[in-house]
N, C-alpha and C. Protein backbone atom coordinates (compact mmCIF):
# COMPACT_ATOMS: atom_id res chain seq x y z
N UNK A 1 62.37 88.07 109.05
CA UNK A 1 63.21 86.99 108.56
C UNK A 1 62.62 85.64 108.96
N UNK A 2 61.41 85.66 109.46
CA UNK A 2 60.78 84.41 109.88
C UNK A 2 60.34 83.56 108.70
N UNK A 3 60.33 84.15 107.49
CA UNK A 3 59.87 83.42 106.32
C UNK A 3 60.86 82.36 105.84
N UNK A 4 62.13 82.51 106.20
CA UNK A 4 63.16 81.59 105.72
C UNK A 4 64.09 81.23 106.88
N UNK A 5 64.45 79.97 106.97
CA UNK A 5 65.29 79.52 108.09
C UNK A 5 66.77 79.57 107.70
N UNK A 6 67.60 79.49 108.70
CA UNK A 6 69.05 79.46 108.47
C UNK A 6 69.42 78.28 107.59
N UNK A 7 68.81 77.14 107.84
CA UNK A 7 69.12 75.93 107.08
C UNK A 7 68.76 76.10 105.60
N UNK A 8 67.65 76.78 105.35
CA UNK A 8 67.27 77.04 103.96
C UNK A 8 68.28 77.97 103.27
N UNK A 9 68.74 78.96 104.00
CA UNK A 9 69.75 79.88 103.45
C UNK A 9 71.03 79.11 103.15
N UNK A 10 71.44 78.24 104.06
CA UNK A 10 72.66 77.45 103.86
C UNK A 10 72.53 76.55 102.64
N UNK A 11 71.37 75.94 102.47
CA UNK A 11 71.15 75.08 101.30
C UNK A 11 71.18 75.88 100.01
N UNK A 12 70.59 77.07 100.02
CA UNK A 12 70.62 77.92 98.83
C UNK A 12 72.04 78.40 98.53
N UNK A 13 72.80 78.71 99.58
CA UNK A 13 74.17 79.17 99.39
C UNK A 13 75.04 78.08 98.78
N UNK A 14 74.74 76.83 99.09
CA UNK A 14 75.51 75.72 98.51
C UNK A 14 75.29 75.58 97.01
N UNK A 15 74.20 76.13 96.51
CA UNK A 15 73.90 76.07 95.08
C UNK A 15 74.64 77.15 94.29
N UNK A 16 75.22 78.13 95.00
CA UNK A 16 75.95 79.22 94.33
C UNK A 16 77.27 78.71 93.77
N UNK A 17 77.78 79.42 92.79
CA UNK A 17 79.11 79.09 92.27
C UNK A 17 80.14 79.45 93.34
N UNK A 18 81.37 78.96 93.16
CA UNK A 18 82.44 79.26 94.13
C UNK A 18 82.66 80.77 94.24
N UNK A 19 82.63 81.46 93.10
CA UNK A 19 82.83 82.91 93.10
C UNK A 19 81.70 83.62 93.85
N UNK A 20 80.47 83.17 93.63
CA UNK A 20 79.33 83.77 94.33
C UNK A 20 79.40 83.48 95.83
N UNK A 21 79.83 82.28 96.19
CA UNK A 21 79.98 81.94 97.60
C UNK A 21 81.04 82.84 98.25
N UNK A 22 82.15 83.04 97.53
CA UNK A 22 83.22 83.91 98.07
C UNK A 22 82.71 85.33 98.24
N UNK A 23 81.93 85.81 97.26
CA UNK A 23 81.37 87.16 97.36
C UNK A 23 80.38 87.26 98.52
N UNK A 24 79.59 86.22 98.72
CA UNK A 24 78.64 86.20 99.83
C UNK A 24 79.38 86.21 101.16
N UNK A 25 80.42 85.41 101.27
CA UNK A 25 81.22 85.36 102.50
C UNK A 25 81.81 86.73 102.79
N UNK A 26 82.39 87.36 101.77
CA UNK A 26 82.98 88.70 101.94
C UNK A 26 81.93 89.70 102.39
N UNK A 27 80.77 89.64 101.77
CA UNK A 27 79.69 90.57 102.12
C UNK A 27 79.24 90.38 103.57
N UNK A 28 79.09 89.13 103.99
CA UNK A 28 78.67 88.86 105.36
C UNK A 28 79.74 89.25 106.36
N UNK A 29 81.02 89.00 106.01
CA UNK A 29 82.10 89.39 106.91
C UNK A 29 82.16 90.90 107.08
N UNK A 30 81.95 91.65 106.00
CA UNK A 30 81.95 93.11 106.10
C UNK A 30 80.79 93.60 106.97
N UNK A 31 79.72 92.86 106.94
CA UNK A 31 78.56 93.23 107.75
C UNK A 31 78.80 92.94 109.23
N UNK A 32 79.46 91.82 109.51
CA UNK A 32 79.73 91.42 110.89
C UNK A 32 80.92 92.21 111.45
N UNK A 33 81.95 92.41 110.63
CA UNK A 33 83.17 93.11 111.04
C UNK A 33 83.43 94.28 110.10
N UNK A 34 82.66 95.37 110.22
CA UNK A 34 82.77 96.46 109.26
C UNK A 34 84.12 97.19 109.27
N UNK A 35 84.88 97.10 110.34
CA UNK A 35 86.15 97.82 110.42
C UNK A 35 87.28 97.10 109.69
N UNK A 36 87.13 95.84 109.39
CA UNK A 36 88.18 95.11 108.70
C UNK A 36 88.35 95.66 107.29
N UNK A 37 89.59 95.77 106.87
CA UNK A 37 89.86 96.36 105.57
C UNK A 37 89.66 95.37 104.43
N UNK A 38 89.56 94.10 104.73
CA UNK A 38 89.43 93.11 103.68
C UNK A 38 90.78 92.62 103.17
N UNK A 39 91.85 93.20 103.67
CA UNK A 39 93.19 92.76 103.27
C UNK A 39 93.59 91.52 104.04
N UNK A 40 94.27 90.64 103.37
CA UNK A 40 94.81 89.46 104.04
C UNK A 40 96.27 89.72 104.40
N UNK A 41 96.80 88.88 105.26
CA UNK A 41 98.19 89.01 105.65
C UNK A 41 99.09 88.85 104.42
N UNK A 42 98.73 87.95 103.55
CA UNK A 42 99.52 87.73 102.34
C UNK A 42 99.55 88.98 101.46
N UNK A 43 98.41 89.67 101.36
CA UNK A 43 98.36 90.89 100.56
C UNK A 43 99.23 91.98 101.16
N UNK A 44 99.18 92.11 102.47
CA UNK A 44 99.99 93.13 103.15
C UNK A 44 101.47 92.83 102.96
N UNK A 45 101.85 91.57 103.14
CA UNK A 45 103.26 91.20 102.97
C UNK A 45 103.71 91.38 101.52
N UNK A 46 102.84 91.07 100.57
CA UNK A 46 103.18 91.25 99.16
C UNK A 46 103.39 92.73 98.85
N UNK A 47 102.54 93.59 99.41
CA UNK A 47 102.70 95.03 99.20
C UNK A 47 104.00 95.53 99.83
N UNK A 48 104.33 95.02 101.02
CA UNK A 48 105.59 95.39 101.66
C UNK A 48 106.78 94.99 100.80
N UNK A 49 106.76 93.76 100.30
CA UNK A 49 107.85 93.28 99.44
C UNK A 49 107.95 94.11 98.16
N UNK A 50 106.81 94.49 97.60
CA UNK A 50 106.81 95.32 96.39
C UNK A 50 107.46 96.67 96.67
N UNK A 51 107.07 97.28 97.78
CA UNK A 51 107.64 98.58 98.13
C UNK A 51 109.14 98.46 98.45
N UNK A 52 109.50 97.38 99.12
CA UNK A 52 110.90 97.16 99.44
C UNK A 52 111.71 96.99 98.15
N UNK A 53 111.17 96.25 97.19
CA UNK A 53 111.84 96.04 95.91
C UNK A 53 111.98 97.35 95.14
N UNK A 54 111.04 98.27 95.31
CA UNK A 54 111.10 99.57 94.64
C UNK A 54 112.03 100.55 95.36
N UNK A 55 112.60 100.13 96.50
CA UNK A 55 113.55 100.96 97.22
C UNK A 55 112.92 102.03 98.09
N UNK A 56 111.65 101.86 98.42
CA UNK A 56 110.97 102.88 99.21
C UNK A 56 111.47 102.98 100.65
N UNK A 57 112.20 101.99 101.13
CA UNK A 57 112.68 102.02 102.51
C UNK A 57 114.19 102.26 102.59
N UNK A 58 114.83 102.49 101.47
CA UNK A 58 116.29 102.61 101.46
C UNK A 58 116.80 103.86 102.14
N UNK A 59 116.11 104.97 102.00
CA UNK A 59 116.57 106.23 102.59
C UNK A 59 115.77 106.63 103.81
N UNK A 60 115.16 105.66 104.46
CA UNK A 60 114.37 105.95 105.65
C UNK A 60 115.29 106.38 106.79
N UNK A 61 114.88 107.42 107.49
CA UNK A 61 115.68 107.92 108.60
C UNK A 61 115.54 107.00 109.81
N UNK A 62 116.65 106.59 110.36
CA UNK A 62 116.63 105.72 111.54
C UNK A 62 116.26 106.54 112.77
N UNK A 63 115.41 106.00 113.60
CA UNK A 63 115.03 106.65 114.85
C UNK A 63 115.84 106.12 116.03
N UNK A 64 116.79 105.22 115.73
CA UNK A 64 117.60 104.62 116.79
C UNK A 64 118.33 105.70 117.57
N UNK A 65 118.07 105.79 118.84
CA UNK A 65 118.75 106.73 119.73
C UNK A 65 118.32 108.17 119.56
N UNK A 66 117.42 108.46 118.65
CA UNK A 66 117.04 109.84 118.37
C UNK A 66 116.35 110.49 119.56
N UNK A 67 115.57 109.74 120.28
CA UNK A 67 114.83 110.31 121.40
C UNK A 67 115.36 109.83 122.75
N UNK A 68 116.55 109.28 122.75
CA UNK A 68 117.14 108.78 123.99
C UNK A 68 117.56 109.95 124.87
N UNK A 69 117.36 109.78 126.14
CA UNK A 69 117.79 110.77 127.11
C UNK A 69 119.19 110.38 127.56
N UNK A 70 120.14 111.32 127.53
CA UNK A 70 121.53 110.95 127.85
C UNK A 70 121.72 110.41 129.27
N UNK A 71 120.84 110.78 130.17
CA UNK A 71 121.00 110.33 131.56
C UNK A 71 120.35 108.97 131.81
N UNK A 72 119.74 108.38 130.81
CA UNK A 72 119.07 107.10 130.98
C UNK A 72 120.09 105.99 131.16
N UNK A 73 119.91 105.24 132.25
CA UNK A 73 120.78 104.11 132.53
C UNK A 73 120.04 102.85 132.07
N UNK A 74 120.64 102.09 131.18
CA UNK A 74 119.99 100.92 130.64
C UNK A 74 120.43 99.62 131.30
N UNK A 75 121.03 99.71 132.47
CA UNK A 75 121.39 98.51 133.22
C UNK A 75 120.08 97.81 133.63
N UNK A 76 120.11 96.51 133.72
CA UNK A 76 118.90 95.73 133.98
C UNK A 76 118.12 96.20 135.20
N UNK A 77 118.81 96.35 136.34
CA UNK A 77 118.12 96.73 137.57
C UNK A 77 117.49 98.11 137.43
N UNK A 78 118.24 99.04 136.87
CA UNK A 78 117.74 100.40 136.72
C UNK A 78 116.58 100.45 135.74
N UNK A 79 116.68 99.71 134.66
CA UNK A 79 115.62 99.69 133.66
C UNK A 79 114.34 99.09 134.24
N UNK A 80 114.47 97.98 134.96
CA UNK A 80 113.31 97.35 135.58
C UNK A 80 112.66 98.27 136.61
N UNK A 81 113.49 99.01 137.35
CA UNK A 81 112.97 99.95 138.33
C UNK A 81 112.19 101.07 137.64
N UNK A 82 112.74 101.58 136.55
CA UNK A 82 112.08 102.64 135.80
C UNK A 82 110.76 102.15 135.21
N UNK A 83 110.74 100.96 134.66
CA UNK A 83 109.51 100.39 134.09
C UNK A 83 108.47 100.22 135.19
N UNK A 84 108.89 99.76 136.36
CA UNK A 84 107.96 99.58 137.48
C UNK A 84 107.39 100.93 137.92
N UNK A 85 108.22 101.96 137.98
CA UNK A 85 107.75 103.29 138.37
C UNK A 85 106.72 103.81 137.38
N UNK A 86 106.98 103.61 136.10
CA UNK A 86 106.04 104.07 135.08
C UNK A 86 104.73 103.29 135.16
N UNK A 87 104.84 101.99 135.38
CA UNK A 87 103.64 101.13 135.42
C UNK A 87 102.78 101.40 136.65
N UNK A 88 103.36 101.88 137.73
CA UNK A 88 102.59 102.11 138.95
C UNK A 88 102.33 103.58 139.21
N UNK A 89 102.68 104.42 138.26
CA UNK A 89 102.49 105.86 138.42
C UNK A 89 101.02 106.21 138.63
N UNK A 90 100.13 105.49 137.97
CA UNK A 90 98.70 105.76 138.09
C UNK A 90 98.21 105.57 139.52
N UNK A 91 98.82 104.62 140.25
CA UNK A 91 98.42 104.39 141.64
C UNK A 91 98.75 105.60 142.50
N UNK A 92 99.93 106.18 142.26
CA UNK A 92 100.32 107.37 143.01
C UNK A 92 99.40 108.54 142.67
N UNK A 93 99.01 108.66 141.40
CA UNK A 93 98.12 109.74 141.01
C UNK A 93 96.74 109.57 141.65
N UNK A 94 96.28 108.33 141.77
CA UNK A 94 95.00 108.10 142.45
C UNK A 94 95.09 108.47 143.92
N UNK A 95 96.21 108.12 144.56
CA UNK A 95 96.40 108.48 145.96
C UNK A 95 96.37 110.00 146.13
N UNK A 96 96.99 110.72 145.21
CA UNK A 96 96.98 112.20 145.28
C UNK A 96 95.58 112.74 145.05
N UNK A 97 94.84 112.11 144.15
CA UNK A 97 93.50 112.59 143.82
C UNK A 97 92.53 112.34 144.96
N UNK A 98 92.55 111.12 145.52
CA UNK A 98 91.60 110.76 146.58
C UNK A 98 92.17 111.00 147.97
N UNK A 99 93.45 111.24 148.06
CA UNK A 99 94.07 111.40 149.36
C UNK A 99 94.41 110.04 149.93
N UNK A 100 95.16 110.01 150.98
CA UNK A 100 95.56 108.76 151.60
C UNK A 100 94.52 108.24 152.57
N UNK A 101 93.37 108.90 152.66
CA UNK A 101 92.32 108.49 153.59
C UNK A 101 91.60 107.28 153.03
N UNK A 102 91.85 106.11 153.57
CA UNK A 102 91.25 104.85 153.10
C UNK A 102 89.93 104.57 153.82
N UNK A 103 89.53 105.40 154.79
CA UNK A 103 88.34 105.12 155.59
C UNK A 103 87.06 105.53 154.88
N UNK A 104 87.12 106.17 153.74
CA UNK A 104 85.94 106.68 153.06
C UNK A 104 85.11 105.62 152.45
């Protein structure tokens, strides 16, 4: 690629039509970010609105409370305690794996 500089490429790209520039941009973006689907937020929202208008979400089964455990206490203190226990569980597992011997 030593035969042509970035500046030369930029100057040549400016000579393209708007449609060709858009196609070039899309092509380069796909090369740099191959996992991107190419969809924009507007396209996704438009598809959601289309499906909603077609009634595709009208008979959706609600998951509210479906997996709730009856013994779960949702009081603030209890919930925060449970979240803390879950968040620090990995520390306890490491202690069990390596033992409580910190001198190693």
